[in-house]
Amino acid sequence: MNSSGSHLARTVTHSHKYGYWRFPENHLDYSEVVDAIRGETQRVLTHLDTSNVREQ
């Protein structure tokens, strides 16, 4: 299963009981989800490492 970017095509709803959304930990039982998170994290870190934006 190619999950690259598939999270962008999904919608999420949550109870209005809470003012925030929490990642359901049981999703980490799926290797595809873990791999997608790791891939996105690596892309973000690479982008941050090569960007001109620096904390002052």
N, C-alpha and C. Protein backbone atom coordinates (compact mmCIF):
# COMPACT_ATOMS: atom_id res chain seq x y z
N MET A 1 0.84 -1.19 0.00
CA MET A 1 0.00 0.00 0.00
C MET A 1 0.88 1.24 0.00
N ASN A 2 0.67 2.12 -0.94
CA ASN A 2 1.42 3.36 -1.01
C ASN A 2 0.63 4.43 -0.25
N SER A 3 1.12 4.78 0.93
CA SER A 3 0.39 5.71 1.78
C SER A 3 0.92 7.13 1.69
N SER A 4 1.87 7.36 0.80
CA SER A 4 2.46 8.69 0.69
C SER A 4 1.41 9.70 0.26
N GLY A 5 1.11 10.64 1.13
CA GLY A 5 0.14 11.68 0.83
C GLY A 5 -1.31 11.29 0.99
N SER A 6 -1.59 10.01 1.26
CA SER A 6 -2.99 9.59 1.37
C SER A 6 -3.69 10.25 2.56
N HIS A 7 -2.92 10.65 3.57
CA HIS A 7 -3.53 11.31 4.72
C HIS A 7 -4.13 12.66 4.33
N LEU A 8 -3.68 13.22 3.21
CA LEU A 8 -4.21 14.50 2.77
C LEU A 8 -5.61 14.36 2.17
N ALA A 9 -6.00 13.15 1.82
CA ALA A 9 -7.29 12.92 1.18
C ALA A 9 -8.35 12.48 2.18
N ARG A 10 -8.02 12.43 3.44
CA ARG A 10 -8.95 11.96 4.45
C ARG A 10 -9.44 13.12 5.32
N THR A 11 -10.60 12.94 5.89
CA THR A 11 -11.11 13.94 6.83
C THR A 11 -11.22 13.31 8.20
N VAL A 12 -11.14 14.15 9.20
CA VAL A 12 -11.21 13.68 10.58
C VAL A 12 -12.23 14.53 11.32
N THR A 13 -13.07 13.89 12.09
CA THR A 13 -13.98 14.63 12.95
C THR A 13 -13.70 14.21 14.38
N HIS A 14 -14.02 15.10 15.29
CA HIS A 14 -13.84 14.76 16.69
C HIS A 14 -14.97 15.37 17.50
N SER A 15 -15.12 14.86 18.68
CA SER A 15 -16.16 15.33 19.57
C SER A 15 -15.90 16.79 19.94
N HIS A 16 -16.94 17.55 20.07
CA HIS A 16 -16.79 18.94 20.49
C HIS A 16 -16.59 19.02 22.00
N LYS A 17 -16.54 17.87 22.63
CA LYS A 17 -16.31 17.82 24.07
C LYS A 17 -14.92 18.35 24.41
N TYR A 18 -13.95 18.13 23.52
CA TYR A 18 -12.58 18.58 23.75
C TYR A 18 -12.21 19.65 22.73
N GLY A 19 -11.36 20.56 23.11
CA GLY A 19 -10.95 21.62 22.21
C GLY A 19 -9.71 21.28 21.41
N TYR A 20 -9.34 20.03 21.39
CA TYR A 20 -8.13 19.62 20.68
C TYR A 20 -8.32 18.22 20.12
N TRP A 21 -7.46 17.86 19.20
CA TRP A 21 -7.50 16.52 18.62
C TRP A 21 -6.29 15.76 19.09
N ARG A 22 -6.49 14.50 19.47
CA ARG A 22 -5.38 13.65 19.89
C ARG A 22 -5.26 12.49 18.91
N PHE A 23 -4.02 12.17 18.58
CA PHE A 23 -3.76 11.06 17.67
C PHE A 23 -4.13 9.75 18.36
N PRO A 24 -4.97 8.93 17.75
CA PRO A 24 -5.33 7.64 18.34
C PRO A 24 -4.12 6.70 18.34
N GLU A 25 -3.62 6.38 19.52
CA GLU A 25 -2.40 5.58 19.63
C GLU A 25 -2.51 4.21 18.96
N ASN A 26 -3.72 3.68 18.86
CA ASN A 26 -3.86 2.36 18.24
C ASN A 26 -3.50 2.39 16.75
N HIS A 27 -3.45 3.59 16.15
CA HIS A 27 -3.02 3.69 14.75
C HIS A 27 -1.56 3.28 14.58
N LEU A 28 -0.78 3.39 15.66
CA LEU A 28 0.64 3.03 15.60
C LEU A 28 0.84 1.52 15.49
N ASP A 29 -0.24 0.76 15.60
CA ASP A 29 -0.17 -0.69 15.40
C ASP A 29 -0.01 -1.04 13.92
N TYR A 30 -0.24 -0.08 13.04
CA TYR A 30 -0.17 -0.32 11.60
C TYR A 30 1.15 0.21 11.06
N SER A 31 1.95 -0.67 10.49
CA SER A 31 3.27 -0.27 10.00
C SER A 31 3.17 0.79 8.90
N GLU A 32 2.09 0.77 8.12
CA GLU A 32 1.93 1.77 7.07
C GLU A 32 1.80 3.17 7.66
N VAL A 33 1.10 3.27 8.77
CA VAL A 33 0.92 4.57 9.43
C VAL A 33 2.26 5.05 10.00
N VAL A 34 2.96 4.15 10.66
CA VAL A 34 4.26 4.50 11.25
C VAL A 34 5.24 4.92 10.15
N ASP A 35 5.27 4.18 9.06
CA ASP A 35 6.16 4.53 7.94
C ASP A 35 5.81 5.89 7.34
N ALA A 36 4.52 6.18 7.21
CA ALA A 36 4.10 7.47 6.67
C ALA A 36 4.50 8.61 7.60
N ILE A 37 4.35 8.41 8.89
CA ILE A 37 4.74 9.44 9.86
C ILE A 37 6.24 9.67 9.81
N ARG A 38 7.00 8.59 9.76
CA ARG A 38 8.46 8.72 9.68
C ARG A 38 8.89 9.43 8.40
N GLY A 39 8.24 9.10 7.29
CA GLY A 39 8.57 9.74 6.02
C GLY A 39 8.28 11.23 6.04
N GLU A 40 7.11 11.60 6.55
CA GLU A 40 6.76 13.02 6.63
C GLU A 40 7.70 13.75 7.58
N THR A 41 8.04 13.13 8.68
CA THR A 41 8.96 13.74 9.65
C THR A 41 10.31 13.99 9.01
N GLN A 42 10.81 13.01 8.27
CA GLN A 42 12.11 13.16 7.62
C GLN A 42 12.08 14.29 6.59
N ARG A 43 10.98 14.40 5.83
CA ARG A 43 10.87 15.47 4.84
C ARG A 43 10.84 16.84 5.51
N VAL A 44 10.11 16.96 6.62
CA VAL A 44 10.05 18.23 7.33
C VAL A 44 11.41 18.60 7.90
N LEU A 45 12.08 17.63 8.53
CA LEU A 45 13.40 17.90 9.11
C LEU A 45 14.41 18.28 8.03
N THR A 46 14.36 17.61 6.90
CA THR A 46 15.26 17.95 5.80
C THR A 46 14.99 19.37 5.31
N HIS A 47 13.72 19.70 5.18
CA HIS A 47 13.36 21.05 4.74
C HIS A 47 13.84 22.10 5.75
N LEU A 48 13.66 21.82 7.03
CA LEU A 48 14.10 22.77 8.05
C LEU A 48 15.62 22.92 8.05
N ASP A 49 16.32 21.82 7.83
CA ASP A 49 17.79 21.87 7.80
C ASP A 49 18.31 22.70 6.63
N THR A 50 17.57 22.70 5.52
CA THR A 50 18.05 23.40 4.32
C THR A 50 17.40 24.76 4.11
N SER A 51 16.48 25.14 4.97
CA SER A 51 15.79 26.42 4.79
C SER A 51 16.64 27.57 5.31
N ASN A 52 16.29 28.75 4.87
CA ASN A 52 16.99 29.96 5.31
C ASN A 52 16.40 30.54 6.58
N VAL A 53 15.33 29.93 7.06
CA VAL A 53 14.66 30.44 8.26
C VAL A 53 15.40 29.91 9.48
N ARG A 54 15.88 30.81 10.28
CA ARG A 54 16.61 30.42 11.49
C ARG A 54 16.01 31.14 12.68
N GLU A 55 15.99 30.48 13.79
CA GLU A 55 15.50 31.08 15.02
C GLU A 55 16.50 32.13 15.50
N GLN A 56 15.99 33.27 15.91
CA GLN A 56 16.89 34.34 16.36
C GLN A 56 16.79 34.55 17.84
